[in-house]
Protein backbone atom coordinates (compact mmCIF):
# COMPACT_ATOMS: atom_id res chain seq x y z
CA UNK A 1 8.99 22.60 72.05
CA UNK A 2 9.67 19.59 69.00
CA UNK A 3 8.73 19.08 65.42
CA UNK A 4 10.98 18.77 62.69
CA UNK A 5 8.25 20.21 60.24
CA UNK A 6 9.14 23.15 58.36
CA UNK A 7 5.96 23.90 56.67
CA UNK A 8 2.64 23.98 57.40
CA UNK A 9 -0.86 24.48 55.53
CA UNK A 10 -3.31 26.46 56.41
CA UNK A 11 -7.12 24.88 55.67
CA UNK A 12 -10.99 25.71 57.43
CA UNK A 13 -13.82 23.90 57.42
CA UNK A 14 -16.85 26.22 57.57
CA UNK A 15 -14.51 28.99 59.05
CA UNK A 16 -13.03 26.14 61.60
CA UNK A 17 -9.49 26.77 60.56
CA UNK A 18 -6.71 24.56 61.30
CA UNK A 19 -2.90 24.27 60.94
CA UNK A 20 -1.75 21.29 58.99
CA UNK A 21 2.05 19.46 60.00
CA UNK A 22 2.80 16.85 58.19
CA UNK A 23 4.66 15.08 60.79
CA UNK A 24 5.18 11.22 58.79
CA UNK A 25 8.52 11.51 58.15
CA UNK A 26 9.56 12.50 61.20
CA UNK A 27 7.42 10.30 63.21
CA UNK A 28 7.88 13.50 65.60
CA UNK A 29 4.61 14.89 67.34
CA UNK A 30 3.93 18.84 68.18
CA UNK A 31 4.01 19.81 72.43
CA UNK A 32 1.41 21.82 74.07
CA UNK A 33 3.51 24.71 74.38
CA UNK A 34 3.86 24.88 70.60
CA UNK A 35 0.13 24.09 69.44
CA UNK A 36 -0.67 27.42 71.79
CA UNK A 37 1.79 29.38 70.28
CA UNK A 38 1.15 28.45 66.60
CA UNK A 39 -2.32 29.08 67.37
CA UNK A 40 -2.28 32.49 68.54
CA UNK A 41 -3.86 35.17 66.26
CA UNK A 42 -1.66 37.79 67.23
CA UNK A 43 1.44 36.17 68.28
CA UNK A 44 1.67 32.66 65.67
CA UNK A 45 -0.01 31.77 62.86
CA UNK A 46 -3.24 31.61 64.03
CA UNK A 47 -5.85 29.24 64.05
CA UNK A 48 -8.67 26.71 66.03
CA UNK A 49 -6.41 23.83 66.36
CA UNK A 50 -3.35 22.28 65.07
CA UNK A 51 -3.58 19.19 62.89
CA UNK A 52 -0.44 16.79 63.52
CA UNK A 53 0.09 13.81 60.47
CA UNK A 54 1.91 10.97 61.74
CA UNK A 55 2.59 7.67 60.57
CA UNK A 56 0.04 4.76 60.44
CA UNK A 57 0.05 1.28 60.10
CA UNK A 58 -3.64 1.11 59.05
CA UNK A 59 -4.81 4.59 57.72
CA UNK A 60 -3.23 6.79 55.01
CA UNK A 61 -1.60 8.99 58.29
CA UNK A 62 -2.79 9.39 61.78
CA UNK A 63 -4.35 12.44 62.93
CA UNK A 64 -3.66 13.96 66.07
CA UNK A 65 -5.99 17.12 66.70
CA UNK A 66 -4.43 19.80 69.39
CA UNK A 67 -6.84 22.36 70.49
CA UNK A 68 -5.80 25.84 70.89
CA UNK A 69 -5.19 25.82 74.71
CA UNK A 70 -2.61 22.91 73.78
CA UNK A 71 -4.76 20.19 74.54
CA UNK A 72 -5.81 17.37 72.82
CA UNK A 73 -9.32 16.01 70.85
CA UNK A 74 -10.34 12.86 70.16
CA UNK A 75 -11.72 13.56 67.06
CA UNK A 76 -12.57 16.81 64.87
CA UNK A 77 -15.29 16.72 62.21
CA UNK A 78 -14.08 19.97 60.16
CA UNK A 79 -10.38 18.83 61.21
CA UNK A 80 -10.56 15.35 59.35
CA UNK A 81 -12.03 17.28 56.43
CA UNK A 82 -9.11 19.38 56.01
CA UNK A 83 -6.42 16.70 56.71
CA UNK A 84 -7.89 14.76 54.13
CA UNK A 85 -7.71 17.49 51.83
CA UNK A 86 -4.06 17.78 52.46
CA UNK A 87 -3.26 14.18 51.87
CA UNK A 88 -5.25 13.57 48.56
CA UNK A 89 -3.75 16.92 47.29
CA UNK A 90 -0.54 16.07 48.00
CA UNK A 91 -0.75 11.96 47.01
CA UNK A 92 -0.87 13.66 43.14
CA UNK A 93 -3.77 10.59 42.77
CA UNK A 94 -7.57 11.06 43.06
CA UNK A 95 -8.71 7.93 45.69
CA UNK A 96 -12.20 7.16 46.01
CA UNK A 97 -11.49 6.51 49.79
CA UNK A 98 -9.03 7.18 52.08
CA UNK A 99 -8.74 5.83 55.80
CA UNK A 100 -7.24 7.59 58.42
CA UNK A 101 -6.57 6.82 61.43
CA UNK A 102 -8.10 9.03 64.87
CA UNK A 103 -8.60 8.99 68.46
CA UNK A 104 -12.28 7.79 67.90
CA UNK A 105 -10.56 4.60 65.61
CA UNK A 106 -10.03 4.34 62.09
CA UNK A 107 -12.54 6.45 59.50
CA UNK A 108 -13.67 6.01 55.80
CA UNK A 109 -13.41 9.20 54.09
CA UNK A 110 -14.83 9.87 50.64
CA UNK A 111 -13.54 12.86 48.83
CA UNK A 112 -16.34 14.73 46.62
CA UNK A 113 -13.29 16.84 43.96
CA UNK A 114 -13.49 20.23 42.19
CA UNK A 115 -11.37 22.53 39.97
CA UNK A 116 -8.95 22.82 43.02
CA UNK A 117 -8.41 19.23 44.35
CA UNK A 118 -10.54 18.04 47.16
CA UNK A 119 -13.41 20.17 47.44
CA UNK A 120 -15.72 18.07 49.77
CA UNK A 121 -15.58 15.00 52.13
CA UNK A 122 -18.18 12.89 53.74
CA UNK A 123 -16.64 10.98 56.53
CA UNK A 124 -18.14 7.89 58.38
CA UNK A 125 -18.11 9.38 61.96
CA UNK A 126 -18.67 5.84 63.37
CA UNK A 127 -21.39 5.55 66.08
CA UNK A 128 -22.66 8.08 68.14
CA UNK A 129 -22.15 6.15 71.67
CA UNK A 130 -24.65 7.06 74.46
CA UNK A 131 -22.56 5.30 77.27
CA UNK A 132 -19.03 6.03 77.27
CA UNK A 133 -16.22 7.09 79.89
CA UNK A 134 -15.99 10.25 79.06
CA UNK A 135 -19.86 11.03 79.76
CA UNK A 136 -21.71 11.33 82.94
CA UNK A 137 -22.91 7.39 81.70
CA UNK A 138 -19.79 6.16 82.41
CA UNK A 139 -19.83 6.43 85.94
CA UNK A 140 -24.00 5.40 86.02
CA UNK A 141 -24.02 3.06 83.53
CA UNK A 142 -26.92 4.67 82.10
CA UNK A 143 -27.40 7.01 79.14
CA UNK A 144 -28.18 10.95 80.19
CA UNK A 145 -30.52 11.57 77.94
CA UNK A 146 -32.91 14.65 77.85
CA UNK A 147 -32.02 14.61 81.46
CA UNK A 148 -31.63 17.51 83.66
CA UNK A 149 -28.62 19.10 84.19
CA UNK A 150 -27.12 18.79 87.79
CA UNK A 151 -26.40 22.52 89.11
CA UNK A 152 -28.20 24.49 86.46
CA UNK A 153 -32.16 24.74 86.85
CA UNK A 154 -34.34 23.76 84.22
CA UNK A 155 -31.51 23.03 82.10
CA UNK A 156 -31.86 19.83 80.12
CA UNK A 157 -29.50 17.71 77.89
CA UNK A 158 -28.24 14.83 75.82
CA UNK A 159 -25.07 13.57 76.42
CA UNK A 160 -23.63 11.83 73.44
CA UNK A 161 -19.89 10.35 72.68
CA UNK A 162 -18.82 10.99 69.17
CA UNK A 163 -15.43 9.59 70.47
CA UNK A 164 -15.57 13.11 72.09
CA UNK A 165 -17.62 13.99 74.56
CA UNK A 166 -20.56 16.74 73.63
CA UNK A 167 -23.47 18.08 75.92
CA UNK A 168 -26.72 18.74 73.38
CA UNK A 169 -28.93 21.10 74.28
CA UNK A 170 -31.73 21.19 72.79
CA UNK A 171 -34.03 24.32 72.05
CA UNK A 172 -31.46 26.38 74.56
CA UNK A 173 -31.13 29.73 73.10
CA UNK A 174 -28.27 30.04 70.60
CA UNK A 175 -26.88 33.62 72.71
CA UNK A 176 -26.15 31.52 75.41
CA UNK A 177 -23.67 29.70 74.33
CA UNK A 178 -20.83 32.46 75.24
CA UNK A 179 -22.41 32.65 78.92
CA UNK A 180 -23.48 29.37 79.75
CA UNK A 181 -20.41 27.45 77.21
CA UNK A 182 -17.45 28.21 79.47
CA UNK A 183 -19.05 26.31 83.05
CA UNK A 184 -20.79 23.87 81.07
CA UNK A 185 -17.54 22.92 79.56
CA UNK A 186 -16.06 21.97 83.27
CA UNK A 187 -19.33 20.49 84.16
CA UNK A 188 -17.99 17.69 86.61
CA UNK A 189 -20.31 15.39 84.98
CA UNK A 190 -18.08 15.11 82.05
CA UNK A 191 -14.23 13.97 83.46
CA UNK A 192 -12.57 15.15 80.48
CA UNK A 193 -14.80 18.32 79.70
CA UNK A 194 -17.14 18.53 77.21
CA UNK A 195 -18.23 20.73 74.16
CA UNK A 196 -21.62 22.29 74.82
CA UNK A 197 -23.88 22.72 71.46
CA UNK A 198 -27.12 24.98 72.04
CA UNK A 199 -29.33 24.25 69.87
CA UNK A 200 -32.16 25.14 67.56
CA UNK A 201 -34.59 22.51 65.82
CA UNK A 202 -36.26 23.88 62.74
CA UNK A 203 -38.59 22.62 60.83
CA UNK A 204 -35.70 21.33 57.83
CA UNK A 205 -33.04 20.74 60.02
CA UNK A 206 -31.23 22.09 62.91
CA UNK A 207 -29.35 25.68 64.02
CA UNK A 208 -25.98 25.19 66.00
CA UNK A 209 -23.85 27.43 68.31
CA UNK A 210 -21.04 25.08 69.71
CA UNK A 211 -18.70 26.26 72.23
CA UNK A 212 -15.64 23.69 71.83
CA UNK A 213 -13.85 22.06 74.58
CA UNK A 214 -10.42 24.04 74.81
CA UNK A 215 -11.33 26.46 72.17
CA UNK A 216 -14.28 28.65 72.84
CA UNK A 217 -16.70 29.49 70.34
CA UNK A 218 -15.87 28.58 66.74
CA UNK A 219 -17.44 28.89 63.32
CA UNK A 220 -17.83 24.78 62.63
CA UNK A 221 -17.40 21.96 64.99
CA UNK A 222 -18.45 18.75 62.83
CA UNK A 223 -18.53 16.48 65.68
CA UNK A 224 -20.78 18.94 67.48
CA UNK A 225 -23.11 18.33 64.10
CA UNK A 226 -23.18 15.12 64.52
CA UNK A 227 -23.82 14.79 68.54
CA UNK A 228 -26.60 17.58 67.78
CA UNK A 229 -28.46 15.79 64.83
CA UNK A 230 -28.30 12.25 67.01
CA UNK A 231 -29.55 13.94 69.74
CA UNK A 232 -32.60 15.22 67.68
CA UNK A 233 -33.15 11.59 66.23
CA UNK A 234 -33.12 10.42 69.97
CA UNK A 235 -35.76 12.79 71.04
CA UNK A 236 -37.88 12.47 67.71
CA UNK A 237 -37.87 15.87 66.75
CA UNK A 238 -36.10 14.60 63.45
CA UNK A 239 -36.23 11.32 61.19
CA UNK A 240 -33.54 9.10 61.21
CA UNK A 241 -31.32 8.06 57.87
CA UNK A 242 -32.28 11.17 56.04
CA UNK A 243 -29.77 13.62 55.18
CA UNK A 244 -29.92 16.49 57.83
CA UNK A 245 -29.11 20.01 57.16
CA UNK A 246 -26.99 21.36 60.47
CA UNK A 247 -26.29 25.59 60.20
CA UNK A 248 -23.73 26.82 62.28
CA UNK A 249 -22.37 29.99 62.40
CA UNK A 250 -20.08 28.93 59.04
CA UNK A 251 -22.43 27.43 57.53
CA UNK A 252 -24.28 23.85 56.53
CA UNK A 253 -23.20 20.88 57.33
CA UNK A 254 -25.30 17.80 55.89
CA UNK A 255 -25.51 14.58 58.84
CA UNK A 256 -27.14 11.19 58.58
CA UNK A 257 -27.92 9.65 61.77
CA UNK A 258 -28.74 5.91 61.57
CA UNK A 259 -31.83 4.63 63.27
CA UNK A 260 -29.39 2.59 65.62
CA UNK A 261 -26.69 5.35 66.02
CA UNK A 262 -23.85 2.66 64.42
CA UNK A 263 -22.38 5.20 61.95
CA UNK A 264 -23.25 8.31 61.59
CA UNK A 265 -22.12 10.04 58.41
CA UNK A 266 -20.89 13.94 57.59
CA UNK A 267 -20.55 15.64 54.66
CA UNK A 268 -19.13 19.18 54.52
CA UNK A 269 -17.10 21.52 51.89
CA UNK A 270 -13.38 22.17 53.09
CA UNK A 271 -11.01 24.65 51.69
CA UNK A 272 -7.11 25.69 51.79
CA UNK A 273 -6.07 29.32 53.21
CA UNK A 274 -2.61 29.22 52.41
CA UNK A 275 0.76 27.44 53.24
CA UNK A 276 4.52 29.02 55.50
CA UNK A 277 7.10 28.11 56.94
CA UNK A 278 7.75 27.74 60.59
CA UNK A 279 10.30 30.02 62.04
CA UNK A 280 13.03 28.60 64.31
CA UNK A 281 12.12 29.28 67.38
CA UNK A 282 14.20 28.36 70.40
CA UNK A 283 13.66 24.97 71.87
CA UNK A 284 11.73 23.57 68.50
């Protein structure tokens, strides 16, 4: 294991919790073994993932998302809000906007300030892609929309990439997440595994439970909320170009999906939890 970051900072977005490591000075990322250890809720600090902040030539930092199982995610909406709060609150300034480099590209973030620094962040999440290499459409060249899920009789889904892959199941019982999530995460149609959204469409928004790739059930998932909202707009179940409520187990996010899917916006709260020192483990 390798990192020179001594202090860690823990944050959460609607209960989706992350350990932030500021590695901008060393430029050295952590490895999978360290991520698994530090995320362990009994033997480590405990978190859904680790956010490594590395140097960037285009943004305030480059965010690398390490899942609790040691894998790397291209993007995480709740994690990005946590990273923004750390970066801004420790900068001594109150910028109107910052940009952060992610695996899904350079994303623009607008902090909203409260008495304890950044209280909420609005993020330009980029496009909702229907054809991408990490979706079934990468092989077929055709969008996978309200399509039968092979190997699962009666199950239909929308495959959408928010930089990371998602299988959105509209009108699927929320209680099925723990049963179907582990199998669908590893569906062969998704070459890099997938996040799975179980969605109830309400009159004024969505209620969503997400099985996150590499994490399992979590309190909230920002990219999952965006993918679910995009699927509902594509299916004409909810309007485009309007702020939509997406209720997750940890609370509400608000998502706006343009009719052309070009720039999905996410708005939600973020909170600091505590800080500590990473122990000097052998081999770290």
